[in-house]
Amino acid sequence: MKQYPIGIQNFESLIKDGYYYVDKTHLVHKLVTEGRYYFLSRPRRFGKSLLISTIQAFFEGKRELFKGLAIDRLADDWTPHPVLHLDLNTQKYDRPDSLEKVLDDALNGWEKIYGSSPTEYGPAMRFNGIIRRAHEKTGHRVVILVDEYDKPMLQAIGNEELQHAYRETLKPFYGALKSRDGDIRFAMLTGVTKFGKVSVFSDLNNLNDISMWNRFYDVCGISENELEAQFKDDIGALAEANGMDYDACLAELRRMYDGYHFEEDAPGMYNPFSLLNTFAKKKFGYYWFETGTPTYLVKLLQIHNYDLDDMAHNVTSEDVLNSIDAASTDPIPVIYQSGYLTIKDYDREFGLYTLGFPNQEVERGFVRYLMPFYTNVPPTKTAFEIKRFVMDVERGDYDAFLSRLRTFYADIPYEMQRDLEVHYQNVLFIVFCLMGFHVNVEYHTANGRVDLVLKTKAYIYVMEFKLDGTAEQAMQQINERGYAAPFKSDGRKVIKLGINFSRDTKTIDKWIVEED
């Protein structure tokens, strides 16, 4: 019986130990025969490391591992090449010398095999020398594979001095991919993000970026066709374990884990880590968030006091999506490339992409993670507090609901007080987004005002929020604009709430109610 390769990133051990493997080797063959220098950006836990390991095994000539796979039929040349594999995912980068220690360790290992020179100083010169000597010693050009190339830069977000130090080290180091071109057979760099312009790629213009190329949209992850072709029995077992039929189970898998679009015309892709965990545990869960927390994203959002509702419905261009400028103040490219947003629509006439959350796992997981950073609710109480909100509105206790919401605004961090209007909207966005997984919430914002329609089995709440106005003005707007009119024939009780948020008290100061 095959095992699910959860956390297995080494191709050789995966094959030898009999784990499931979704065959991507036809795409590996395209890569190694149609080009030489590549860059690939994909979210974490999406199979980048396994792809790198698969390419390494191919270039090491380990044909026995590929028996029965597509590349075994397609490839004619299995000549072993010297492979320099650098994995930057193994270190915590919090000091200027953290990166140099990792590079030094890798360089020492390669120099034991291919020799060193006393005239070579620093990581860049040593790397150049190793590439040249590896070619000379073996008679075959070198393969260079860099996994998670951007890890140092991501961990240094918010620390410009540290980012500058890492840039100054990485730019000349990766420059070897250009200066030693005659010694290199193939090179691939992978990471979560692409730092461009004034950053580590500014001098490296020979990399072919396949991150948003339709030909390679499925090089990582699991497609719908792969899911149904190779995991049919697993879907059936999952359905049985959860009291569902096959089609309903497949629909739930789509809702939870599908929806990553890496090019405007590309089909959606599933997060493989979440799928495999779901099949192994026979339970739908938020597995992607259990393995790591996107602290660098929260730093970016808070540094720029970003409107979270804008983030979830952002419209931007390909130039913005495809590269992160180290001097930029826009967090959207990092959030998109990290997998928390994906392409939802594309306007060909103007070349604009509409972004949104790819699926429920990402939306709910990310918003739950944000709550403690924007409210005074600790992570351990997030789910409990949302449950209490839902219970309040389901039983018609709007006073308890709004009193609880009022406490969420206590002790606003100093750095967020410079724009209380955005912070006020962000807390509402988080609360109502999380409630929306349990009750029907229609949430809209415009010019600092929030219109909210919240539906339960017995009630329909129509809310209008004012900032530094009055609750009476909010109620007047509900009535004058007929916000409650569409629900008069619904059969459920309609409750209108006019609510005012005060800049002085930094929370809700008053609400008034009318019931229809």
Protein backbone atom coordinates (compact mmCIF):
# COMPACT_ATOMS: atom_id res chain seq x y z
CA MET A 1 0.00 0.00 0.00
CA LYS A 2 1.42 3.38 -1.04
CA GLN A 3 1.96 6.05 1.60
CA TYR A 4 1.20 9.75 1.35
CA PRO A 5 4.48 11.72 0.99
CA ILE A 6 3.65 14.34 3.62
CA GLY A 7 6.82 16.33 4.25
CA ILE A 8 8.87 14.10 1.88
CA GLN A 9 10.88 16.41 -0.38
CA ASN A 10 13.56 14.03 -1.63
CA PHE A 11 12.65 12.33 -4.92
CA GLU A 12 14.95 9.33 -4.45
CA SER A 13 13.61 8.41 -1.01
CA LEU A 14 10.02 9.01 -2.17
CA ILE A 15 10.41 6.53 -5.04
CA LYS A 16 12.44 3.92 -3.15
CA ASP A 17 10.13 3.95 -0.13
CA GLY A 18 6.98 3.52 -2.23
CA TYR A 19 5.23 6.83 -1.65
CA TYR A 20 2.57 8.29 -3.93
CA TYR A 21 4.12 10.31 -6.76
CA VAL A 22 2.14 12.46 -9.17
CA ASP A 23 4.24 12.23 -12.34
CA LYS A 24 5.59 15.66 -13.31
CA THR A 25 8.56 14.31 -15.25
CA HIS A 26 7.13 15.18 -18.67
CA LEU A 27 7.41 18.81 -17.53
CA VAL A 28 10.92 18.19 -16.19
CA HIS A 29 11.83 16.90 -19.66
CA LYS A 30 10.49 20.11 -21.22
CA LEU A 31 12.55 22.19 -18.82
CA VAL A 32 15.84 20.37 -19.37
CA THR A 33 15.52 20.16 -23.16
CA GLU A 34 13.96 23.52 -24.04
CA GLY A 35 16.05 25.91 -21.94
CA ARG A 36 18.91 26.34 -19.50
CA TYR A 37 18.12 29.03 -16.93
CA TYR A 38 14.85 29.16 -15.01
CA PHE A 39 13.16 30.87 -12.12
CA LEU A 40 9.97 29.56 -10.50
CA SER A 41 7.90 31.26 -7.83
CA ARG A 42 5.31 29.18 -5.96
CA PRO A 43 3.76 29.32 -2.46
CA ARG A 44 5.33 27.35 0.36
CA ARG A 45 4.43 23.68 0.68
CA PHE A 46 3.60 23.51 -3.02
CA GLY A 47 6.24 21.00 -4.15
CA LYS A 48 9.15 23.26 -5.17
CA SER A 49 11.72 21.28 -3.18
CA LEU A 50 10.51 17.98 -4.64
CA LEU A 51 10.75 19.45 -8.14
CA ILE A 52 14.34 20.53 -7.49
CA SER A 53 15.17 17.08 -6.08
CA THR A 54 13.62 15.40 -9.14
CA ILE A 55 15.71 17.54 -11.51
CA GLN A 56 18.80 16.71 -9.44
CA ALA A 57 18.16 12.96 -9.73
CA PHE A 58 17.73 13.29 -13.49
CA PHE A 59 21.01 15.18 -13.97
CA GLU A 60 22.81 12.71 -11.71
CA GLY A 61 21.82 10.04 -14.24
CA LYS A 62 19.74 7.95 -11.81
CA ARG A 63 17.53 6.46 -14.51
CA GLU A 64 16.47 3.53 -12.33
CA LEU A 65 14.43 5.92 -10.17
CA PHE A 66 12.37 7.04 -13.18
CA LYS A 67 11.30 3.60 -14.36
CA GLY A 68 7.68 3.77 -15.55
CA LEU A 69 7.59 7.57 -15.46
CA ALA A 70 7.14 9.80 -18.49
CA ILE A 71 10.75 11.00 -18.70
CA ASP A 72 12.01 7.41 -18.94
CA ARG A 73 10.36 7.24 -22.38
CA LEU A 74 11.16 10.79 -23.42
CA ALA A 75 14.81 11.33 -22.48
CA ASP A 76 17.70 10.00 -24.56
CA ASP A 77 20.58 11.52 -22.61
CA TRP A 78 21.15 10.31 -19.04
CA THR A 79 24.75 11.53 -18.74
CA PRO A 80 25.62 12.35 -15.11
CA HIS A 81 26.52 16.00 -14.48
CA PRO A 82 28.04 17.67 -11.43
CA VAL A 83 25.13 19.13 -9.44
CA LEU A 84 25.49 22.05 -7.02
CA HIS A 85 22.33 22.08 -4.88
CA LEU A 86 21.92 24.97 -2.44
CA ASP A 87 19.01 24.95 0.02
CA LEU A 88 18.51 28.26 1.84
CA ASN A 89 15.48 27.04 3.79
CA THR A 90 17.45 25.59 6.69
CA GLN A 91 18.59 28.70 8.54
CA LYS A 92 17.10 31.48 10.60
CA TYR A 93 18.25 34.73 9.00
CA ASP A 94 18.37 37.36 11.73
CA ARG A 95 22.01 38.52 11.66
CA PRO A 96 24.27 39.86 8.87
CA ASP A 97 26.48 36.76 9.11
CA SER A 98 23.59 34.25 9.07
CA LEU A 99 23.58 34.06 5.27
CA GLU A 100 27.37 33.94 4.98
CA LYS A 101 27.49 30.93 7.34
CA VAL A 102 25.03 28.97 5.16
CA LEU A 103 26.90 29.84 1.97
CA ASP A 104 30.24 29.04 3.58
CA ASP A 105 29.01 25.60 4.65
CA ALA A 106 27.82 24.78 1.12
CA LEU A 107 31.00 26.14 -0.49
CA ASN A 108 33.22 24.12 1.86
CA GLY A 109 31.39 20.94 0.89
CA TRP A 110 31.77 21.61 -2.85
CA GLU A 111 35.43 22.58 -2.46
CA LYS A 112 36.17 19.22 -0.83
CA ILE A 113 34.98 17.62 -4.07
CA TYR A 114 36.20 20.04 -6.71
CA GLY A 115 39.08 21.84 -5.00
CA SER A 116 39.72 25.44 -3.93
CA SER A 117 42.07 28.31 -4.66
CA PRO A 118 43.81 30.58 -2.14
CA THR A 119 43.18 33.56 -4.44
CA GLU A 120 39.40 33.23 -4.16
CA TYR A 121 37.89 35.37 -1.42
CA GLY A 122 34.22 35.71 -0.49
CA PRO A 123 31.22 33.61 -1.52
CA ALA A 124 30.94 34.97 -5.08
CA MET A 125 34.57 34.32 -6.08
CA ARG A 126 34.58 30.89 -4.46
CA PHE A 127 31.32 29.94 -6.21
CA ASN A 128 32.76 31.02 -9.57
CA GLY A 129 35.86 28.92 -8.98
CA ILE A 130 33.89 25.85 -7.95
CA ILE A 131 31.72 25.99 -11.09
CA ARG A 132 34.79 26.27 -13.33
CA ARG A 133 36.69 23.43 -11.60
CA ALA A 134 33.63 21.14 -11.49
CA HIS A 135 33.37 21.44 -15.28
CA GLU A 136 37.10 20.91 -15.77
CA LYS A 137 37.30 17.94 -13.39
CA THR A 138 34.27 16.01 -14.69
CA GLY A 139 34.28 17.07 -18.33
CA HIS A 140 30.58 17.89 -18.02
CA ARG A 141 28.94 21.23 -17.52
CA VAL A 142 27.48 22.02 -14.13
CA VAL A 143 23.86 21.97 -12.94
CA ILE A 144 22.98 24.60 -10.31
CA LEU A 145 19.81 24.25 -8.24
CA VAL A 146 18.88 26.82 -5.59
CA ASP A 147 15.93 26.06 -3.33
CA GLU A 148 14.14 28.90 -1.48
CA TYR A 149 16.59 31.50 -2.76
CA ASP A 150 14.54 34.31 -1.18
CA LYS A 151 14.34 33.02 2.41
CA PRO A 152 16.93 35.52 3.75
CA MET A 153 15.18 38.46 2.08
CA LEU A 154 11.75 37.45 3.35
CA GLN A 155 12.90 37.05 6.93
CA ALA A 156 14.52 40.50 6.78
CA ILE A 157 11.37 42.32 5.67
CA GLY A 158 11.04 45.43 7.82
CA ASN A 159 14.79 45.54 8.50
CA GLU A 160 16.28 47.53 5.62
CA GLU A 161 19.83 47.31 6.98
CA LEU A 162 19.69 43.51 7.08
CA GLN A 163 18.00 43.33 3.67
CA HIS A 164 20.75 45.50 2.23
CA ALA A 165 23.43 43.21 3.67
CA TYR A 166 21.77 40.13 2.18
CA ARG A 167 21.31 41.83 -1.21
CA GLU A 168 24.97 42.78 -1.32
CA THR A 169 25.91 39.14 -0.69
CA LEU A 170 23.39 37.46 -3.00
CA LYS A 171 23.70 39.73 -6.07
CA PRO A 172 27.32 38.83 -6.88
CA PHE A 173 26.81 35.24 -5.72
CA TYR A 174 23.95 34.61 -8.17
CA GLY A 175 25.91 36.62 -10.74
CA ALA A 176 27.96 33.47 -11.33
CA LEU A 177 24.98 32.12 -13.31
CA LYS A 178 25.81 34.76 -15.91
CA SER A 179 29.58 35.06 -15.69
CA ARG A 180 30.19 31.27 -15.85
CA ASP A 181 27.65 30.63 -18.60
CA GLY A 182 30.07 28.44 -20.60
CA ASP A 183 30.44 26.06 -17.65
CA ILE A 184 26.73 25.68 -16.87
CA ARG A 185 24.38 23.10 -18.41
CA PHE A 186 21.25 24.01 -16.43
CA ALA A 187 20.21 26.26 -13.54
CA MET A 188 16.99 26.76 -11.64
CA LEU A 189 16.16 29.03 -8.72
CA THR A 190 12.92 28.58 -6.80
CA GLY A 191 11.32 30.62 -4.08
CA VAL A 192 8.11 32.05 -2.76
CA THR A 193 8.70 35.53 -4.19
CA LYS A 194 10.64 37.32 -6.89
CA PHE A 195 12.74 40.23 -5.71
CA GLY A 196 13.52 42.42 -8.72
CA LYS A 197 14.64 45.84 -9.91
CA VAL A 198 17.04 47.13 -7.25
CA SER A 199 17.28 43.73 -5.62
CA VAL A 200 19.04 40.40 -6.17
CA PHE A 201 17.84 39.90 -9.75
CA SER A 202 18.79 43.34 -11.07
CA ASP A 203 21.92 42.05 -12.84
CA LEU A 204 20.60 38.58 -13.66
CA ASN A 205 18.63 38.93 -16.89
CA ASN A 206 19.20 35.46 -18.34
CA LEU A 207 16.70 33.67 -16.07
CA ASN A 208 13.53 32.51 -17.81
CA ASP A 209 10.71 33.21 -15.33
CA ILE A 210 8.11 30.45 -15.73
CA SER A 211 6.01 31.49 -12.71
CA MET A 212 3.19 32.90 -14.85
CA TRP A 213 3.73 30.80 -17.99
CA ASN A 214 0.82 28.63 -19.08
CA ARG A 215 3.13 25.85 -20.33
CA PHE A 216 4.29 25.19 -16.77
CA TYR A 217 1.29 26.17 -14.66
CA ASP A 218 1.05 22.61 -13.27
CA VAL A 219 4.75 21.95 -12.69
CA CYS A 220 3.98 22.09 -8.95
CA GLY A 221 0.71 21.30 -7.18
CA ILE A 222 -2.06 18.91 -8.22
CA SER A 223 -4.48 19.59 -11.04
CA GLU A 224 -8.14 18.55 -11.15
CA ASN A 225 -7.32 15.87 -13.74
CA GLU A 226 -4.47 14.50 -11.61
CA LEU A 227 -6.70 14.47 -8.54
CA GLU A 228 -9.50 12.47 -10.13
CA ALA A 229 -7.19 10.15 -12.08
CA GLN A 230 -4.80 9.21 -9.27
CA PHE A 231 -6.79 9.74 -6.07
CA LYS A 232 -10.22 8.36 -6.97
CA ASP A 233 -10.12 5.67 -4.28
CA ASP A 234 -8.82 8.18 -1.73
CA ILE A 235 -11.70 10.56 -2.50
CA GLY A 236 -14.12 7.66 -2.01
CA ALA A 237 -12.57 6.74 1.34
CA LEU A 238 -12.65 10.37 2.47
CA ALA A 239 -16.30 10.64 1.45
CA GLU A 240 -17.23 7.51 3.39
CA ALA A 241 -15.37 8.68 6.50
CA ASN A 242 -17.28 11.99 6.45
CA GLY A 243 -20.73 10.64 5.57
CA MET A 244 -20.70 12.22 2.11
CA ASP A 245 -21.22 10.95 -1.40
CA TYR A 246 -18.35 11.07 -3.91
CA ASP A 247 -19.48 14.22 -5.75
CA ALA A 248 -20.11 16.16 -2.54
CA CYS A 249 -16.68 15.19 -1.25
CA LEU A 250 -15.02 16.31 -4.48
CA ALA A 251 -16.90 19.62 -4.30
CA GLU A 252 -15.68 20.15 -0.73
CA LEU A 253 -12.09 19.42 -1.77
CA ARG A 254 -12.42 22.06 -4.48
CA ARG A 255 -13.88 24.61 -2.08
CA MET A 256 -11.20 24.02 0.52
CA TYR A 257 -7.99 23.47 -1.45
CA ASP A 258 -8.44 24.29 -5.17
CA GLY A 259 -8.33 27.69 -6.84
CA TYR A 260 -4.67 28.63 -7.26
CA HIS A 261 -4.36 30.27 -10.69
CA PHE A 262 -0.80 31.00 -11.77
CA GLU A 263 -1.73 32.46 -15.15
CA GLU A 264 -4.91 34.13 -16.38
CA ASP A 265 -6.00 31.21 -18.59
CA ALA A 266 -4.62 28.38 -16.46
CA PRO A 267 -6.92 25.92 -14.65
CA GLY A 268 -6.96 25.98 -10.88
CA MET A 269 -4.40 23.98 -8.90
CA TYR A 270 -4.75 22.23 -5.56
CA ASN A 271 -2.39 22.70 -2.65
CA PRO A 272 -0.72 19.24 -2.48
CA PHE A 273 0.22 19.45 1.18
CA SER A 274 -3.37 20.08 2.25
CA LEU A 275 -4.78 17.40 -0.06
CA LEU A 276 -2.39 14.72 1.17
CA ASN A 277 -3.05 15.56 4.82
CA THR A 278 -6.80 15.44 4.19
CA PHE A 279 -6.56 11.99 2.59
CA ALA A 280 -4.20 10.67 5.27
CA LYS A 281 -6.31 11.89 8.20
CA LYS A 282 -9.65 11.55 6.38
CA LYS A 283 -10.63 14.92 7.75
CA PHE A 284 -10.97 18.38 6.18
CA GLY A 285 -8.67 20.81 7.95
CA TYR A 286 -6.54 23.94 7.67
CA TYR A 287 -3.28 22.08 7.26
CA TRP A 288 -1.33 24.73 5.35
CA PHE A 289 -1.49 27.10 8.33
CA GLU A 290 -0.48 24.44 10.82
CA THR A 291 3.03 24.29 9.34
CA GLY A 292 3.98 27.94 9.39
CA THR A 293 2.78 31.46 9.97
CA PRO A 294 3.17 34.31 7.46
CA THR A 295 4.64 36.80 9.92
CA TYR A 296 6.42 38.74 7.18
CA LEU A 297 3.04 39.39 5.51
CA VAL A 298 1.55 40.80 8.69
CA LYS A 299 4.60 43.05 9.05
CA LEU A 300 4.02 44.44 5.58
CA LEU A 301 0.30 44.99 6.13
CA GLN A 302 0.87 46.76 9.43
CA ILE A 303 3.83 48.83 8.25
CA HIS A 304 1.65 50.28 5.49
CA ASN A 305 -1.62 50.22 7.48
CA TYR A 306 -3.18 48.40 4.55
CA ASP A 307 -6.94 48.16 4.07
CA LEU A 308 -7.67 44.42 4.29
CA ASP A 309 -10.85 44.65 2.25
CA ASP A 310 -8.83 46.21 -0.58
CA MET A 311 -6.34 43.36 -0.26
CA ALA A 312 -9.07 40.76 -0.76
CA HIS A 313 -10.43 42.47 -3.90
CA ASN A 314 -7.30 43.98 -5.39
CA VAL A 315 -6.91 44.96 -9.05
CA THR A 316 -3.35 45.28 -10.33
CA SER A 317 -1.06 44.79 -13.33
CA GLU A 318 1.30 41.98 -14.32
CA ASP A 319 4.33 44.21 -13.75
CA VAL A 320 3.31 44.65 -10.12
CA LEU A 321 2.54 40.95 -9.58
CA ASN A 322 5.64 39.61 -11.22
CA SER A 323 8.34 41.36 -9.24
CA ILE A 324 8.96 42.70 -5.78
CA ASP A 325 10.91 45.93 -5.62
CA ALA A 326 12.85 46.08 -2.38
CA ALA A 327 12.10 49.80 -2.24
CA SER A 328 8.36 49.41 -2.85
CA THR A 329 5.66 50.11 -0.28
CA ASP A 330 3.05 47.84 -1.87
CA PRO A 331 2.53 44.55 0.02
CA ILE A 332 0.28 43.03 -2.67
CA PRO A 333 3.04 41.40 -4.79
CA VAL A 334 4.43 39.60 -1.73
CA ILE A 335 0.97 38.48 -0.62
CA TYR A 336 0.12 37.25 -4.13
CA GLN A 337 3.39 35.41 -4.71
CA SER A 338 3.16 33.86 -1.24
CA GLY A 339 -0.13 32.20 -2.23
CA TYR A 340 -2.56 34.11 -0.04
CA LEU A 341 -4.09 35.79 -3.09
CA THR A 342 -4.54 34.40 -6.59
CA ILE A 343 -5.82 35.45 -10.00
CA LYS A 344 -9.61 35.58 -10.12
CA ASP A 345 -10.17 37.52 -13.35
CA TYR A 346 -8.23 39.24 -16.12
CA ASP A 347 -9.07 42.33 -18.16
CA ARG A 348 -7.25 41.81 -21.47
CA GLU A 349 -7.98 45.28 -22.78
CA PHE A 350 -6.17 47.01 -19.92
CA GLY A 351 -3.93 44.14 -18.77
CA LEU A 352 -5.36 44.17 -15.23
CA TYR A 353 -5.67 41.24 -12.84
CA THR A 354 -8.36 40.94 -10.18
CA LEU A 355 -7.07 39.10 -7.13
CA GLY A 356 -8.82 37.24 -4.34
CA PHE A 357 -8.37 34.41 -1.87
CA PRO A 358 -7.90 31.08 -3.72
CA ASN A 359 -10.04 28.93 -1.41
CA GLN A 360 -11.61 28.63 2.03
CA GLU A 361 -8.52 27.17 3.68
CA VAL A 362 -6.46 30.23 2.76
CA GLU A 363 -9.17 32.82 3.42
CA ARG A 364 -10.26 31.53 6.79
CA GLY A 365 -6.76 30.55 7.91
CA PHE A 366 -5.23 33.88 6.96
CA VAL A 367 -7.99 36.00 8.49
CA ARG A 368 -7.95 33.95 11.70
CA TYR A 369 -4.20 34.44 11.87
CA LEU A 370 -4.61 38.22 11.46
CA MET A 371 -7.12 38.68 14.29
CA PRO A 372 -4.67 38.80 17.24
CA PHE A 373 -2.55 41.38 15.39
CA TYR A 374 -5.51 43.75 14.94
CA THR A 375 -7.53 43.14 18.10
CA ASN A 376 -6.88 42.38 21.76
CA VAL A 377 -7.99 38.76 21.29
CA PRO A 378 -5.19 36.17 21.77
CA PRO A 379 -4.80 33.39 19.15
CA THR A 380 -6.11 30.74 21.54
CA LYS A 381 -9.47 32.55 21.87
CA THR A 382 -10.12 33.51 18.24
CA ALA A 383 -12.42 30.58 17.42
CA PHE A 384 -14.21 30.91 20.78
CA GLU A 385 -14.91 34.62 20.30
CA ILE A 386 -16.25 34.09 16.78
CA LYS A 387 -18.52 31.34 18.11
CA ARG A 388 -19.90 33.76 20.71
CA PHE A 389 -20.53 36.39 18.02
CA VAL A 390 -22.45 33.86 15.95
CA MET A 391 -24.47 32.68 18.97
CA ASP A 392 -25.40 36.29 19.81
CA VAL A 393 -26.72 37.09 16.35
CA GLU A 394 -28.49 33.74 15.95
CA ARG A 395 -30.55 34.36 19.08
CA GLY A 396 -31.19 38.03 18.25
CA ASP A 397 -29.02 39.45 21.06
CA TYR A 398 -27.62 42.41 19.18
CA ASP A 399 -26.66 44.25 22.39
CA ALA A 400 -24.36 41.39 23.40
CA PHE A 401 -22.95 41.23 19.88
CA LEU A 402 -22.12 44.94 19.72
CA SER A 403 -20.83 45.05 23.30
CA ARG A 404 -18.43 42.24 22.42
CA LEU A 405 -17.40 44.00 19.21
CA ARG A 406 -16.74 47.18 21.20
CA THR A 407 -14.15 45.38 23.36
CA PHE A 408 -12.22 44.28 20.27
CA TYR A 409 -11.10 47.86 19.76
CA ALA A 410 -9.55 48.32 23.19
CA ASP A 411 -5.81 49.06 23.44
CA ILE A 412 -5.16 49.80 19.77
CA PRO A 413 -1.39 49.55 19.16
CA TYR A 414 0.28 52.94 18.81
CA GLU A 415 1.53 52.29 15.27
CA MET A 416 -2.07 51.74 14.10
CA GLN A 417 -3.43 54.93 15.64
CA ARG A 418 -2.14 57.09 12.79
CA ASP A 419 -5.13 55.99 10.70
CA LEU A 420 -7.92 54.85 12.97
CA GLU A 421 -10.40 54.74 10.10
CA VAL A 422 -8.47 51.98 8.32
CA HIS A 423 -7.88 50.10 11.58
CA TYR A 424 -11.58 50.33 12.42
CA GLN A 425 -12.47 48.90 9.01
CA ASN A 426 -9.85 46.16 9.28
CA VAL A 427 -11.25 44.86 12.58
CA LEU A 428 -14.75 44.79 11.08
CA PHE A 429 -13.44 42.98 8.00
CA ILE A 430 -11.77 40.28 10.12
CA VAL A 431 -14.76 39.73 12.41
CA PHE A 432 -17.39 39.64 9.68
CA CYS A 433 -15.22 37.55 7.36
CA LEU A 434 -14.82 34.89 10.06
CA MET A 435 -18.51 35.05 10.95
CA GLY A 436 -19.31 34.61 7.27
CA PHE A 437 -18.18 30.99 7.44
CA HIS A 438 -21.09 30.29 9.82
CA VAL A 439 -23.78 32.81 8.85
CA ASN A 440 -24.49 34.71 5.64
CA VAL A 441 -22.59 38.01 5.72
CA GLU A 442 -22.61 40.55 2.92
CA TYR A 443 -19.87 43.06 3.67
CA HIS A 444 -19.19 46.26 1.74
CA THR A 445 -17.08 49.34 2.40
CA ALA A 446 -17.06 52.80 0.84
CA ASN A 447 -15.38 56.03 1.96
CA GLY A 448 -15.05 55.06 5.61
CA ARG A 449 -18.68 53.78 5.96
CA VAL A 450 -19.59 50.15 6.36
CA ASP A 451 -22.88 48.69 5.14
CA LEU A 452 -23.54 45.23 6.49
CA VAL A 453 -26.29 42.70 5.92
CA LEU A 454 -26.09 39.69 8.21
CA LYS A 455 -28.56 36.80 7.81
CA THR A 456 -29.38 33.95 10.17
CA LYS A 457 -32.22 31.44 10.13
CA ALA A 458 -34.49 33.75 12.14
CA TYR A 459 -33.08 37.25 11.65
CA ILE A 460 -31.81 39.68 9.06
CA TYR A 461 -29.61 42.46 10.43
CA VAL A 462 -29.16 45.64 8.41
CA MET A 463 -26.31 47.71 9.84
CA GLU A 464 -24.86 51.10 9.01
CA PHE A 465 -21.63 52.25 10.68
CA LYS A 466 -20.57 55.88 11.01
CA LEU A 467 -17.18 57.26 11.95
CA ASP A 468 -17.35 60.39 14.14
CA GLY A 469 -20.99 60.89 13.23
CA THR A 470 -23.99 59.73 15.24
CA ALA A 471 -25.96 56.53 15.56
CA GLU A 472 -29.02 58.57 14.64
CA GLN A 473 -27.43 59.62 11.36
CA ALA A 474 -26.61 56.00 10.59
CA MET A 475 -30.23 54.95 11.21
CA GLN A 476 -31.50 57.86 9.13
CA GLN A 477 -29.35 56.66 6.23
CA ILE A 478 -30.72 53.11 6.53
CA ASN A 479 -34.27 54.43 6.34
CA GLU A 480 -33.80 57.14 3.71
CA ARG A 481 -31.96 54.82 1.34
CA GLY A 482 -34.28 51.89 1.96
CA TYR A 483 -31.58 49.41 2.93
CA ALA A 484 -34.10 47.14 4.66
CA ALA A 485 -36.75 47.27 1.94
CA PRO A 486 -35.53 44.20 -0.04
CA PHE A 487 -36.07 41.98 3.01
CA LYS A 488 -39.64 42.92 4.04
CA SER A 489 -41.18 39.91 2.33
CA ASP A 490 -38.47 37.50 3.45
CA GLY A 491 -40.32 36.13 6.47
CA ARG A 492 -37.46 36.61 8.89
CA LYS A 493 -37.40 39.38 11.47
CA VAL A 494 -35.49 42.46 10.20
CA ILE A 495 -33.37 44.35 12.73
CA LYS A 496 -31.92 47.73 11.74
CA LEU A 497 -28.84 48.93 13.63
CA GLY A 498 -27.35 52.43 13.42
CA ILE A 499 -23.87 52.39 14.92
CA ASN A 500 -21.29 55.12 15.51
CA PHE A 501 -17.58 54.62 15.90
CA SER A 502 -15.76 57.40 17.81
CA ARG A 503 -12.21 58.54 17.09
CA ASP A 504 -11.96 59.86 20.65
CA THR A 505 -12.92 56.62 22.38
CA LYS A 506 -11.35 54.49 19.59
CA THR A 507 -14.33 52.14 19.64
CA ILE A 508 -18.12 51.99 19.19
CA ASP A 509 -19.70 54.63 21.41
CA LYS A 510 -23.42 54.23 20.63
CA TRP A 511 -25.97 52.20 18.68
CA ILE A 512 -29.69 52.48 18.16
CA VAL A 513 -32.14 49.83 16.99
CA GLU A 514 -35.35 49.64 15.00
CA GLU A 515 -37.17 46.37 14.35
CA ASP A 516 -39.47 45.72 11.39
